[in-house]
Amino acid sequence: MKNENFSDYEIAELSDSALNQISDLEKTMCGETSKNIVLIAYQNKTVTEKENKIH
């Protein structure tokens, strides 16, 4: 997402399974790095939502 405008994204709507996978990955990364890692999932906004912001 380097040099991209975050206004083109929204928090992703994920299934329970996907949320569990992210949580497991956070735990793994925390254990490997000794840092408190938080992962955030974004999805592209729909064209309609983008157009609404312009008007």
C-alpha atoms as a PDB file:
ATOM      1  CA  MET A   1       0.000   0.000   0.000  1.00  0.00           C
ATOM      2  CA  LYS A   2       3.049   2.202  -0.359  1.00  0.00           C
ATOM      3  CA  ASN A   3       2.158   5.713  -1.553  1.00  0.00           C
ATOM      4  CA  GLU A   4      -1.533   4.848  -1.823  1.00  0.00           C
ATOM      5  CA  ASN A   5      -4.391   6.930  -0.487  1.00  0.00           C
ATOM      6  CA  PHE A   6      -5.986   5.147   2.460  1.00  0.00           C
ATOM      7  CA  SER A   7      -9.313   6.852   1.721  1.00  0.00           C
ATOM      8  CA  ASP A   8      -9.700   4.259  -1.061  1.00  0.00           C
ATOM      9  CA  TYR A   9      -9.916   1.511   1.574  1.00  0.00           C
ATOM     10  CA  GLU A  10     -12.189   0.436   4.396  1.00  0.00           C
ATOM     11  CA  ILE A  11     -11.846  -2.133   7.155  1.00  0.00           C
ATOM     12  CA  ALA A  12     -12.400  -5.547   5.563  1.00  0.00           C
ATOM     13  CA  GLU A  13     -15.453  -7.603   6.407  1.00  0.00           C
ATOM     14  CA  LEU A  14     -14.037 -11.034   7.226  1.00  0.00           C
ATOM     15  CA  SER A  15     -15.431 -14.416   8.128  1.00  0.00           C
ATOM     16  CA  ASP A  16     -14.804 -15.909  11.557  1.00  0.00           C
ATOM     17  CA  SER A  17     -12.353 -18.301   9.933  1.00  0.00           C
ATOM     18  CA  ALA A  18     -10.359 -15.450   8.382  1.00  0.00           C
ATOM     19  CA  LEU A  19     -10.350 -13.557  11.696  1.00  0.00           C
ATOM     20  CA  ASN A  20      -9.029 -16.666  13.443  1.00  0.00           C
ATOM     21  CA  GLN A  21      -6.266 -16.992  10.841  1.00  0.00           C
ATOM     22  CA  ILE A  22      -5.244 -13.366  11.399  1.00  0.00           C
ATOM     23  CA  SER A  23      -5.294 -13.863  15.164  1.00  0.00           C
ATOM     24  CA  ASP A  24      -3.105 -16.970  14.840  1.00  0.00           C
ATOM     25  CA  LEU A  25      -0.655 -15.083  12.627  1.00  0.00           C
ATOM     26  CA  GLU A  26      -0.519 -12.200  15.131  1.00  0.00           C
ATOM     27  CA  LYS A  27       0.339 -14.661  17.907  1.00  0.00           C
ATOM     28  CA  THR A  28       3.020 -16.324  15.787  1.00  0.00           C
ATOM     29  CA  MET A  29       4.584 -12.998  14.854  1.00  0.00           C
ATOM     30  CA  CYS A  30       4.476 -11.791  18.466  1.00  0.00           C
ATOM     31  CA  GLY A  31       6.287 -14.936  19.565  1.00  0.00           C
ATOM     32  CA  GLU A  32       8.920 -14.638  16.836  1.00  0.00           C
ATOM     33  CA  THR A  33       9.580 -10.909  17.290  1.00  0.00           C
ATOM     34  CA  SER A  34       8.866 -10.367  21.003  1.00  0.00           C
ATOM     35  CA  LYS A  35       6.760  -7.393  19.887  1.00  0.00           C
ATOM     36  CA  ASN A  36       3.040  -6.722  20.182  1.00  0.00           C
ATOM     37  CA  ILE A  37       1.957  -7.169  16.553  1.00  0.00           C
ATOM     38  CA  VAL A  38      -1.513  -6.108  15.403  1.00  0.00           C
ATOM     39  CA  LEU A  39      -2.640  -6.913  11.869  1.00  0.00           C
ATOM     40  CA  ILE A  40      -5.366  -4.878  10.203  1.00  0.00           C
ATOM     41  CA  ALA A  41      -7.234  -6.053   7.103  1.00  0.00           C
ATOM     42  CA  TYR A  42      -8.418  -3.521   4.547  1.00  0.00           C
ATOM     43  CA  GLN A  43     -10.451  -3.964   1.391  1.00  0.00           C
ATOM     44  CA  ASN A  44     -10.912  -1.624  -1.545  1.00  0.00           C
ATOM     45  CA  LYS A  45     -14.016   0.521  -1.302  1.00  0.00           C
ATOM     46  CA  THR A  46     -16.585  -0.027  -3.992  1.00  0.00           C
ATOM     47  CA  VAL A  47     -16.779   2.426  -6.874  1.00  0.00           C
ATOM     48  CA  THR A  48     -20.147   3.685  -5.617  1.00  0.00           C
ATOM     49  CA  GLU A  49     -18.739   4.539  -2.194  1.00  0.00           C
ATOM     50  CA  LYS A  50     -15.804   6.389  -3.795  1.00  0.00           C
ATOM     51  CA  GLU A  51     -18.156   8.373  -6.040  1.00  0.00           C
ATOM     52  CA  ASN A  52     -20.347   9.333  -3.075  1.00  0.00           C
ATOM     53  CA  LYS A  53     -17.363  10.949  -1.363  1.00  0.00           C
ATOM     54  CA  ILE A  54     -16.708  13.110  -4.420  1.00  0.00           C
ATOM     55  CA  HIS A  55     -20.252  14.507  -4.520  1.00  0.00           C
END
